[in-house]
Amino acid sequence: MKAIVFHGIGDIRLDDVKEPKIKDDGDAIVRLTASAICGTDLHMVRGTMPGMKPGTILGHEGVGVIEEVGKAVTGFQRGDRVVVPSTICCGRCSYCKSGYQSQCDNANPNGPRRAPPSSADPRPPARSTACRRSSPASRWPTPRW
């Protein structure tokens, strides 16, 4: 498959990389159909985010189709269209249950119970509810700006 790969400060490339595999029971593999670069990716490219290692695959937001799910994944199945937001969450803490997933006590690097994620393994924690099922546009509420 193709992926945007960090090779060094100011050096990112579209490379052929190995197909992903399920590593943990809470993993899901999503075939992205659309994605974009965000501010975090720019920090990595500019060298303002410490700890970046050559070979790191960039990108953590997108939309796509679930290709495979681990044994512990519930509520999603192969073929589901999903949105992968920039935030990750556990789905179980008081913040997640109240709809404030970006404040998750268990997945937020600044939360009380989780160390910052490793750049070597940027996957969400097992049983993360990061993906959201995609719905037809008519079912989304109209923003009130």
C-alpha atoms as a PDB file:
ATOM      1  CA  MET A   1       0.000   0.000   0.000  1.00  0.00           C
ATOM      2  CA  LYS A   2       1.037   3.635  -0.274  1.00  0.00           C
ATOM      3  CA  ALA A   3       1.691   5.856   2.762  1.00  0.00           C
ATOM      4  CA  ILE A   4       3.247   9.221   3.584  1.00  0.00           C
ATOM      5  CA  VAL A   5       6.488   8.389   5.427  1.00  0.00           C
ATOM      6  CA  PHE A   6       8.710  10.661   7.532  1.00  0.00           C
ATOM      7  CA  HIS A   7      12.373  10.309   6.473  1.00  0.00           C
ATOM      8  CA  GLY A   8      13.778  13.363   8.281  1.00  0.00           C
ATOM      9  CA  ILE A   9      13.066  17.017   8.943  1.00  0.00           C
ATOM     10  CA  GLY A  10      11.572  18.464   5.768  1.00  0.00           C
ATOM     11  CA  ASP A  11      11.717  15.069   4.042  1.00  0.00           C
ATOM     12  CA  ILE A  12       8.424  13.196   3.655  1.00  0.00           C
ATOM     13  CA  ARG A  13       7.682  10.837   0.788  1.00  0.00           C
ATOM     14  CA  LEU A  14       4.913   8.706  -0.644  1.00  0.00           C
ATOM     15  CA  ASP A  15       6.328   5.201  -0.188  1.00  0.00           C
ATOM     16  CA  ASP A  16       5.239   1.615  -0.665  1.00  0.00           C
ATOM     17  CA  VAL A  17       4.834   0.087   2.817  1.00  0.00           C
ATOM     18  CA  LYS A  18       3.714  -3.277   4.188  1.00  0.00           C
ATOM     19  CA  GLU A  19      -0.005  -3.929   4.531  1.00  0.00           C
ATOM     20  CA  PRO A  20      -1.125  -3.488   8.159  1.00  0.00           C
ATOM     21  CA  LYS A  21      -2.019  -6.510  10.276  1.00  0.00           C
ATOM     22  CA  ILE A  22      -4.182  -6.858  13.365  1.00  0.00           C
ATOM     23  CA  LYS A  23      -1.783  -6.838  16.361  1.00  0.00           C
ATOM     24  CA  ASP A  24      -4.201  -6.563  19.282  1.00  0.00           C
ATOM     25  CA  ASP A  25      -7.764  -7.807  19.745  1.00  0.00           C
ATOM     26  CA  GLY A  26      -8.973  -4.179  19.925  1.00  0.00           C
ATOM     27  CA  ASP A  27      -7.447  -3.171  16.564  1.00  0.00           C
ATOM     28  CA  ALA A  28      -9.264  -2.377  13.341  1.00  0.00           C
ATOM     29  CA  ILE A  29      -7.814  -1.872   9.872  1.00  0.00           C
ATOM     30  CA  VAL A  30      -9.410   0.987   7.925  1.00  0.00           C
ATOM     31  CA  ARG A  31      -8.821   1.471   4.190  1.00  0.00           C
ATOM     32  CA  LEU A  32      -8.719   5.247   3.876  1.00  0.00           C
ATOM     33  CA  THR A  33     -10.711   6.772   1.045  1.00  0.00           C
ATOM     34  CA  ALA A  34      -9.855  10.384   1.949  1.00  0.00           C
ATOM     35  CA  SER A  35      -7.386  12.029   4.310  1.00  0.00           C
ATOM     36  CA  ALA A  36      -5.673  15.354   4.861  1.00  0.00           C
ATOM     37  CA  ILE A  37      -2.577  16.814   6.469  1.00  0.00           C
ATOM     38  CA  CYS A  38      -3.189  18.546   9.788  1.00  0.00           C
ATOM     39  CA  GLY A  39      -1.151  20.804  12.065  1.00  0.00           C
ATOM     40  CA  THR A  40       0.364  17.875  13.954  1.00  0.00           C
ATOM     41  CA  ASP A  41       1.745  16.465  10.704  1.00  0.00           C
ATOM     42  CA  LEU A  42       3.307  19.859   9.958  1.00  0.00           C
ATOM     43  CA  HIS A  43       5.016  19.884  13.380  1.00  0.00           C
ATOM     44  CA  MET A  44       6.565  16.526  12.521  1.00  0.00           C
ATOM     45  CA  VAL A  45       7.754  17.651   9.101  1.00  0.00           C
ATOM     46  CA  ARG A  46       9.201  20.919  10.477  1.00  0.00           C
ATOM     47  CA  GLY A  47      11.004  19.135  13.299  1.00  0.00           C
ATOM     48  CA  THR A  48       9.154  20.906  16.115  1.00  0.00           C
ATOM     49  CA  MET A  49       7.795  17.621  17.528  1.00  0.00           C
ATOM     50  CA  PRO A  50      10.525  15.750  19.415  1.00  0.00           C
ATOM     51  CA  GLY A  51      11.067  12.029  19.064  1.00  0.00           C
ATOM     52  CA  MET A  52      10.192  11.582  15.398  1.00  0.00           C
ATOM     53  CA  LYS A  53      11.940   8.566  13.896  1.00  0.00           C
ATOM     54  CA  PRO A  54      12.630   7.998  10.203  1.00  0.00           C
ATOM     55  CA  GLY A  55      10.154   5.466   8.845  1.00  0.00           C
ATOM     56  CA  THR A  56       7.193   6.778  10.858  1.00  0.00           C
ATOM     57  CA  ILE A  57       3.986   6.756   8.810  1.00  0.00           C
ATOM     58  CA  LEU A  58       2.183  10.105   9.035  1.00  0.00           C
ATOM     59  CA  GLY A  59      -1.537  10.696   9.154  1.00  0.00           C
ATOM     60  CA  HIS A  60      -4.122  10.159  11.860  1.00  0.00           C
ATOM     61  CA  GLU A  61      -7.342  11.630  10.469  1.00  0.00           C
ATOM     62  CA  GLY A  62      -9.473  10.385   7.627  1.00  0.00           C
ATOM     63  CA  VAL A  63     -12.530   8.583   6.384  1.00  0.00           C
ATOM     64  CA  GLY A  64     -12.658   5.076   5.046  1.00  0.00           C
ATOM     65  CA  VAL A  65     -14.012   1.562   5.110  1.00  0.00           C
ATOM     66  CA  ILE A  66     -13.261  -1.068   7.748  1.00  0.00           C
ATOM     67  CA  GLU A  67     -11.371  -3.963   6.166  1.00  0.00           C
ATOM     68  CA  GLU A  68     -10.779  -6.095   9.274  1.00  0.00           C
ATOM     69  CA  VAL A  69     -11.517  -6.009  13.013  1.00  0.00           C
ATOM     70  CA  GLY A  70      -9.907  -7.705  16.005  1.00  0.00           C
ATOM     71  CA  LYS A  71     -11.779 -10.169  18.217  1.00  0.00           C
ATOM     72  CA  ALA A  72     -12.544  -7.580  20.938  1.00  0.00           C
ATOM     73  CA  VAL A  73     -13.999  -4.952  18.570  1.00  0.00           C
ATOM     74  CA  THR A  74     -17.736  -4.508  18.998  1.00  0.00           C
ATOM     75  CA  GLY A  75     -20.125  -2.236  17.143  1.00  0.00           C
ATOM     76  CA  PHE A  76     -18.104  -2.272  13.924  1.00  0.00           C
ATOM     77  CA  GLN A  77     -17.712  -4.813  11.162  1.00  0.00           C
ATOM     78  CA  ARG A  78     -16.007  -5.244   7.804  1.00  0.00           C
ATOM     79  CA  GLY A  79     -17.522  -2.858   5.237  1.00  0.00           C
ATOM     80  CA  ASP A  80     -18.629  -0.163   7.696  1.00  0.00           C
ATOM     81  CA  ARG A  81     -17.840   3.386   6.554  1.00  0.00           C
ATOM     82  CA  VAL A  82     -16.142   5.294   9.374  1.00  0.00           C
ATOM     83  CA  VAL A  83     -14.636   8.647  10.295  1.00  0.00           C
ATOM     84  CA  VAL A  84     -11.288   8.499  12.097  1.00  0.00           C
ATOM     85  CA  PRO A  85     -10.980  11.706  14.136  1.00  0.00           C
ATOM     86  CA  SER A  86      -7.769  13.197  15.482  1.00  0.00           C
ATOM     87  CA  THR A  87      -8.715  12.353  19.062  1.00  0.00           C
ATOM     88  CA  ILE A  88      -8.622   8.928  20.668  1.00  0.00           C
ATOM     89  CA  CYS A  89     -10.657   7.839  23.650  1.00  0.00           C
ATOM     90  CA  CYS A  90     -11.474   4.860  25.851  1.00  0.00           C
ATOM     91  CA  GLY A  91     -15.256   5.159  25.652  1.00  0.00           C
ATOM     92  CA  ARG A  92     -15.590   4.238  29.348  1.00  0.00           C
ATOM     93  CA  CYS A  93     -14.485   7.209  31.487  1.00  0.00           C
ATOM     94  CA  SER A  94     -16.886   9.948  32.645  1.00  0.00           C
ATOM     95  CA  TYR A  95     -15.691  12.354  29.932  1.00  0.00           C
ATOM     96  CA  CYS A  96     -16.256   9.835  27.120  1.00  0.00           C
ATOM     97  CA  LYS A  97     -19.675   8.841  28.431  1.00  0.00           C
ATOM     98  CA  SER A  98     -20.625  12.537  28.522  1.00  0.00           C
ATOM     99  CA  GLY A  99     -19.552  13.095  24.908  1.00  0.00           C
ATOM    100  CA  TYR A 100     -16.257  14.876  25.679  1.00  0.00           C
ATOM    101  CA  GLN A 101     -13.948  12.286  24.085  1.00  0.00           C
ATOM    102  CA  SER A 102     -11.101  14.786  23.569  1.00  0.00           C
ATOM    103  CA  GLN A 103     -10.873  15.082  27.378  1.00  0.00           C
ATOM    104  CA  CYS A 104     -10.584  11.290  27.899  1.00  0.00           C
ATOM    105  CA  ASP A 105      -8.845  10.448  31.177  1.00  0.00           C
ATOM    106  CA  ASN A 106      -7.344   7.261  29.754  1.00  0.00           C
ATOM    107  CA  ALA A 107      -6.162   8.200  26.252  1.00  0.00           C
ATOM    108  CA  ASN A 108      -5.367  11.918  26.623  1.00  0.00           C
ATOM    109  CA  PRO A 109      -1.603  12.358  27.087  1.00  0.00           C
ATOM    110  CA  ASN A 110      -2.399  14.962  29.759  1.00  0.00           C
ATOM    111  CA  GLY A 111      -4.935  12.733  31.521  1.00  0.00           C
ATOM    112  CA  PRO A 112      -4.187  11.342  34.967  1.00  0.00           C
ATOM    113  CA  ARG A 113      -3.987   7.677  33.995  1.00  0.00           C
ATOM    114  CA  ARG A 114      -2.114   7.478  30.700  1.00  0.00           C
ATOM    115  CA  ALA A 115       1.471   8.151  29.709  1.00  0.00           C
ATOM    116  CA  PRO A 116       2.076   9.968  26.399  1.00  0.00           C
ATOM    117  CA  PRO A 117       1.788   7.654  23.379  1.00  0.00           C
ATOM    118  CA  SER A 118       4.984   6.303  21.876  1.00  0.00           C
ATOM    119  CA  SER A 119       5.905   7.561  18.422  1.00  0.00           C
ATOM    120  CA  ALA A 120       7.021   4.005  17.648  1.00  0.00           C
ATOM    121  CA  ASP A 121       3.427   2.733  17.975  1.00  0.00           C
ATOM    122  CA  PRO A 122       0.942   5.565  17.323  1.00  0.00           C
ATOM    123  CA  ARG A 123      -2.104   3.259  17.399  1.00  0.00           C
ATOM    124  CA  PRO A 124      -4.928   4.099  19.808  1.00  0.00           C
ATOM    125  CA  PRO A 125      -5.069   2.008  22.985  1.00  0.00           C
ATOM    126  CA  ALA A 126      -6.902  -1.321  22.767  1.00  0.00           C
ATOM    127  CA  ARG A 127     -10.693  -0.986  22.795  1.00  0.00           C
ATOM    128  CA  SER A 128     -10.425   2.643  21.739  1.00  0.00           C
ATOM    129  CA  THR A 129     -13.596   4.119  20.320  1.00  0.00           C
ATOM    130  CA  ALA A 130     -11.729   6.491  18.026  1.00  0.00           C
ATOM    131  CA  CYS A 131     -13.685   5.560  14.886  1.00  0.00           C
ATOM    132  CA  ARG A 132     -17.171   6.908  14.375  1.00  0.00           C
ATOM    133  CA  ARG A 133     -19.660   5.309  12.016  1.00  0.00           C
ATOM    134  CA  SER A 134     -20.304   7.517   8.993  1.00  0.00           C
ATOM    135  CA  SER A 135     -23.928   8.492   8.388  1.00  0.00           C
ATOM    136  CA  PRO A 136     -25.736   9.927   5.383  1.00  0.00           C
ATOM    137  CA  ALA A 137     -25.406  13.726   5.312  1.00  0.00           C
ATOM    138  CA  SER A 138     -29.114  14.169   5.976  1.00  0.00           C
ATOM    139  CA  ARG A 139     -28.734  12.553   9.398  1.00  0.00           C
ATOM    140  CA  TRP A 140     -26.045  14.953  10.630  1.00  0.00           C
ATOM    141  CA  PRO A 141     -27.329  18.034  12.474  1.00  0.00           C
ATOM    142  CA  THR A 142     -26.877  21.346  10.715  1.00  0.00           C
ATOM    143  CA  PRO A 143     -24.092  23.366  12.421  1.00  0.00           C
ATOM    144  CA  ARG A 144     -25.269  26.567  14.052  1.00  0.00           C
ATOM    145  CA  TRP A 145     -22.277  28.895  13.633  1.00  0.00           C
END
